[in-house]
């Protein structure tokens, strides 16, 4: 059950994160390419950090 809850949390987070990142990215259409590059590199890496605690929690045994 723990892995199922974690899967739902991860999918929900990613859907929201992708929508937010794409919305912000669409505002950068007229920005210089180097600003777009920096934004998308940061946005492409940043999503993993909030998910680490969820993945750690789902991998633990017992009650938490």
N, C-alpha and C. Protein backbone atom coordinates (compact mmCIF):
# COMPACT_ATOMS: atom_id res chain seq x y z
N UNK A 1 0.82 -1.19 0.00
CA UNK A 1 0.00 0.00 0.00
C UNK A 1 0.87 1.27 0.00
N UNK A 2 2.01 1.19 0.69
CA UNK A 2 2.92 2.32 0.78
C UNK A 2 3.43 2.72 -0.62
N UNK A 3 3.78 1.74 -1.42
CA UNK A 3 4.29 2.03 -2.77
C UNK A 3 3.20 2.61 -3.66
N UNK A 4 1.97 2.18 -3.48
CA UNK A 4 0.86 2.71 -4.27
C UNK A 4 0.61 4.18 -3.92
N UNK A 5 0.62 4.50 -2.62
CA UNK A 5 0.44 5.89 -2.19
C UNK A 5 1.58 6.76 -2.71
N UNK A 6 2.80 6.23 -2.64
CA UNK A 6 3.96 6.99 -3.14
C UNK A 6 3.84 7.21 -4.64
N UNK A 7 3.38 6.20 -5.37
CA UNK A 7 3.22 6.34 -6.81
C UNK A 7 2.21 7.43 -7.14
N UNK A 8 1.10 7.47 -6.42
CA UNK A 8 0.10 8.51 -6.64
C UNK A 8 0.65 9.90 -6.33
N UNK A 9 1.41 9.99 -5.25
CA UNK A 9 2.02 11.28 -4.87
C UNK A 9 3.02 11.73 -5.92
N UNK A 10 3.83 10.82 -6.41
CA UNK A 10 4.85 11.16 -7.42
C UNK A 10 4.19 11.60 -8.72
N UNK A 11 3.21 10.85 -9.17
CA UNK A 11 2.52 11.21 -10.42
C UNK A 11 1.81 12.55 -10.26
N UNK A 12 1.15 12.77 -9.14
CA UNK A 12 0.48 14.04 -8.91
C UNK A 12 1.46 15.20 -8.88
N UNK A 13 2.58 15.01 -8.19
CA UNK A 13 3.59 16.07 -8.14
C UNK A 13 4.14 16.36 -9.53
N UNK A 14 4.45 15.31 -10.29
CA UNK A 14 5.04 15.52 -11.61
C UNK A 14 4.08 16.21 -12.56
N UNK A 15 2.81 15.87 -12.51
CA UNK A 15 1.83 16.54 -13.37
C UNK A 15 1.80 18.04 -13.05
N UNK A 16 1.75 18.37 -11.77
CA UNK A 16 1.75 19.77 -11.38
C UNK A 16 3.04 20.48 -11.72
N UNK A 17 4.17 19.81 -11.48
CA UNK A 17 5.47 20.41 -11.74
C UNK A 17 5.67 20.66 -13.24
N UNK A 18 5.29 19.70 -14.05
CA UNK A 18 5.43 19.85 -15.50
C UNK A 18 4.54 20.99 -16.00
N UNK A 19 3.32 21.07 -15.50
CA UNK A 19 2.42 22.16 -15.91
C UNK A 19 3.01 23.51 -15.52
N UNK A 20 3.54 23.62 -14.30
CA UNK A 20 4.13 24.88 -13.85
C UNK A 20 5.39 25.22 -14.65
N UNK A 21 6.26 24.24 -14.85
CA UNK A 21 7.50 24.48 -15.59
C UNK A 21 7.20 24.87 -17.04
N UNK A 22 6.22 24.24 -17.66
CA UNK A 22 5.87 24.57 -19.03
C UNK A 22 5.24 25.96 -19.12
N UNK A 23 4.43 26.31 -18.14
CA UNK A 23 3.82 27.65 -18.12
C UNK A 23 4.89 28.72 -17.99
N UNK A 24 5.81 28.53 -17.06
CA UNK A 24 6.90 29.50 -16.90
C UNK A 24 7.77 29.51 -18.16
N UNK A 25 8.06 28.35 -18.71
CA UNK A 25 8.86 28.26 -19.92
C UNK A 25 8.22 28.98 -21.10
N UNK A 26 6.90 28.92 -21.18
CA UNK A 26 6.22 29.60 -22.28
C UNK A 26 6.30 31.12 -22.15
N UNK A 27 6.54 31.60 -20.94
CA UNK A 27 6.72 33.04 -20.74
C UNK A 27 8.10 33.52 -21.18
N UNK A 28 9.00 32.57 -21.41
CA UNK A 28 10.37 32.90 -21.79
C UNK A 28 10.60 32.83 -23.30
N UNK A 29 9.53 32.80 -24.08
CA UNK A 29 9.66 32.67 -25.53
C UNK A 29 10.49 33.80 -26.13
N UNK A 30 10.29 35.00 -25.64
CA UNK A 30 11.01 36.15 -26.18
C UNK A 30 12.34 36.42 -25.48
N UNK A 31 12.66 35.64 -24.48
CA UNK A 31 13.92 35.82 -23.74
C UNK A 31 15.08 35.31 -24.59
N UNK A 32 16.28 35.78 -24.31
CA UNK A 32 17.46 35.26 -25.03
C UNK A 32 17.61 33.75 -24.82
N UNK A 33 18.20 33.10 -25.79
CA UNK A 33 18.37 31.63 -25.74
C UNK A 33 19.13 31.18 -24.50
N UNK A 34 20.12 31.96 -24.06
CA UNK A 34 20.91 31.52 -22.92
C UNK A 34 20.08 31.52 -21.63
N UNK A 35 19.11 32.44 -21.53
CA UNK A 35 18.22 32.44 -20.36
C UNK A 35 17.29 31.23 -20.43
N UNK A 36 16.79 30.93 -21.61
CA UNK A 36 15.94 29.74 -21.77
C UNK A 36 16.72 28.47 -21.41
N UNK A 37 17.96 28.40 -21.86
CA UNK A 37 18.79 27.23 -21.58
C UNK A 37 18.98 27.06 -20.08
N UNK A 38 19.34 28.14 -19.41
CA UNK A 38 19.55 28.07 -17.96
C UNK A 38 18.27 27.64 -17.25
N UNK A 39 17.14 28.23 -17.65
CA UNK A 39 15.87 27.88 -17.01
C UNK A 39 15.55 26.39 -17.19
N UNK A 40 15.64 25.89 -18.42
CA UNK A 40 15.25 24.51 -18.65
C UNK A 40 16.23 23.51 -18.05
N UNK A 41 17.50 23.87 -17.94
CA UNK A 41 18.45 22.99 -17.24
C UNK A 41 18.09 22.91 -15.77
N UNK A 42 17.84 24.07 -15.15
CA UNK A 42 17.47 24.08 -13.73
C UNK A 42 16.14 23.36 -13.51
N UNK A 43 15.15 23.66 -14.34
CA UNK A 43 13.84 23.02 -14.20
C UNK A 43 13.92 21.51 -14.44
N UNK A 44 14.83 21.11 -15.31
CA UNK A 44 14.98 19.69 -15.61
C UNK A 44 15.65 18.90 -14.51
N UNK A 45 16.39 19.57 -13.65
CA UNK A 45 17.07 18.89 -12.55
C UNK A 45 16.29 19.02 -11.24
N UNK A 46 15.65 20.17 -11.05
CA UNK A 46 15.03 20.51 -9.78
C UNK A 46 13.89 19.59 -9.36
N UNK A 47 13.22 18.96 -10.30
CA UNK A 47 12.06 18.13 -9.96
C UNK A 47 12.42 16.94 -9.07
N UNK A 48 13.65 16.47 -9.15
CA UNK A 48 14.01 15.25 -8.43
C UNK A 48 14.15 15.45 -6.93
N UNK A 49 14.53 16.64 -6.50
CA UNK A 49 14.80 16.86 -5.07
C UNK A 49 13.57 16.71 -4.18
N UNK A 50 12.40 17.24 -4.53
CA UNK A 50 11.23 17.03 -3.67
C UNK A 50 10.75 15.58 -3.65
N UNK A 51 11.12 14.80 -4.65
CA UNK A 51 10.64 13.41 -4.70
C UNK A 51 11.49 12.45 -3.87
N UNK A 52 12.71 12.83 -3.51
CA UNK A 52 13.58 11.94 -2.76
C UNK A 52 12.95 11.49 -1.44
N UNK A 53 12.36 12.39 -0.62
CA UNK A 53 11.74 11.92 0.62
C UNK A 53 10.58 10.94 0.38
N UNK A 54 9.82 11.15 -0.67
CA UNK A 54 8.72 10.23 -0.97
C UNK A 54 9.27 8.86 -1.36
N UNK A 55 10.32 8.85 -2.16
CA UNK A 55 10.93 7.57 -2.56
C UNK A 55 11.56 6.87 -1.37
N UNK A 56 12.21 7.62 -0.50
CA UNK A 56 12.78 7.02 0.72
C UNK A 56 11.69 6.43 1.59
N UNK A 57 10.60 7.17 1.76
CA UNK A 57 9.49 6.69 2.58
C UNK A 57 8.88 5.41 2.00
N UNK A 58 8.73 5.38 0.68
CA UNK A 58 8.09 4.20 0.07
C UNK A 58 8.98 2.97 0.16
N UNK A 59 10.28 3.17 0.26
CA UNK A 59 11.20 2.03 0.34
C UNK A 59 11.40 1.49 1.73
N UNK A 60 10.96 2.24 2.74
CA UNK A 60 11.11 1.77 4.13
C UNK A 60 10.08 0.72 4.45
N UNK A 61 10.46 -0.17 5.34
CA UNK A 61 9.53 -1.18 5.82
C UNK A 61 8.90 -0.72 7.12
N UNK A 62 7.89 -1.42 7.57
CA UNK A 62 7.25 -1.08 8.84
C UNK A 62 6.33 0.10 8.72
N UNK A 63 5.90 0.59 9.84
CA UNK A 63 4.98 1.73 9.88
C UNK A 63 5.76 3.02 10.03
N UNK A 64 5.34 4.02 9.26
CA UNK A 64 6.00 5.33 9.38
C UNK A 64 4.97 6.43 9.26
